Amino acid sequence: MEVQNSKTLHLPILIEQDEDGVYIVSCPNFQGCHSYGKTVDEAIANIREVIEICL
């Protein structure tokens, strides 16, 4: 059995809601790292994918 060492990276994110009710999320540590979602959970899941790309 192989044991994996995984580390958790904690980054700040900003969540705002626009006038249409869409949640806009960004990570200020990376320029151009933005996403959105219909719910907060969807927006957070989407920004995680974008952060992985930025890394």
Protein backbone atom coordinates (compact mmCIF):
# COMPACT_ATOMS: atom_id res chain seq x y z
CA MET A 1 0.00 0.00 0.00
CA GLU A 2 1.36 3.38 -1.00
CA VAL A 3 0.95 6.33 1.36
CA GLN A 4 0.56 9.75 -0.21
CA ASN A 5 1.63 12.91 1.53
CA SER A 6 -0.82 15.62 0.64
CA LYS A 7 -0.51 19.22 1.66
CA THR A 8 -3.33 21.69 1.88
CA LEU A 9 -2.77 25.14 0.45
CA HIS A 10 -4.87 27.90 1.98
CA LEU A 11 -5.43 30.93 -0.23
CA PRO A 12 -7.71 33.94 0.25
CA ILE A 13 -10.73 34.29 -2.02
CA LEU A 14 -13.21 37.11 -2.47
CA ILE A 15 -16.88 36.37 -3.14
CA GLU A 16 -19.31 39.01 -4.40
CA GLN A 17 -22.84 38.76 -5.71
CA ASP A 18 -23.74 40.77 -8.80
CA GLU A 19 -27.07 42.41 -9.59
CA ASP A 20 -28.28 39.24 -11.37
CA GLY A 21 -27.62 37.07 -8.30
CA VAL A 22 -24.52 35.38 -9.75
CA TYR A 23 -21.61 34.84 -7.35
CA ILE A 24 -18.31 36.21 -8.64
CA VAL A 25 -15.23 34.77 -6.96
CA SER A 26 -11.57 35.64 -7.29
CA CYS A 27 -8.23 34.80 -5.73
CA PRO A 28 -6.19 37.99 -5.30
CA ASN A 29 -2.91 36.03 -5.08
CA PHE A 30 -3.08 35.35 -8.83
CA GLN A 31 -3.70 37.99 -11.49
CA GLY A 32 -6.72 37.11 -13.62
CA CYS A 33 -7.86 34.29 -11.32
CA HIS A 34 -11.65 34.71 -11.42
CA SER A 35 -14.71 32.52 -11.79
CA TYR A 36 -18.41 32.51 -11.02
CA GLY A 37 -21.34 30.30 -10.08
CA LYS A 38 -25.08 30.32 -9.50
CA THR A 39 -24.46 29.36 -5.86
CA VAL A 40 -21.60 30.01 -3.44
CA ASP A 41 -20.71 26.30 -3.47
CA GLU A 42 -20.58 26.24 -7.28
CA ALA A 43 -18.45 29.40 -7.35
CA ILE A 44 -15.99 27.94 -4.83
CA ALA A 45 -15.73 24.68 -6.78
CA ASN A 46 -15.07 26.66 -9.96
CA ILE A 47 -12.38 28.86 -8.39
CA ARG A 48 -10.60 25.75 -7.11
CA GLU A 49 -10.24 24.56 -10.70
CA VAL A 50 -8.94 27.96 -11.81
CA ILE A 51 -6.44 28.10 -8.94
CA GLU A 52 -5.11 24.66 -9.96
CA ILE A 53 -4.55 26.03 -13.46
CA CYS A 54 -2.78 29.11 -12.05
CA LEU A 55 -0.47 26.94 -9.95
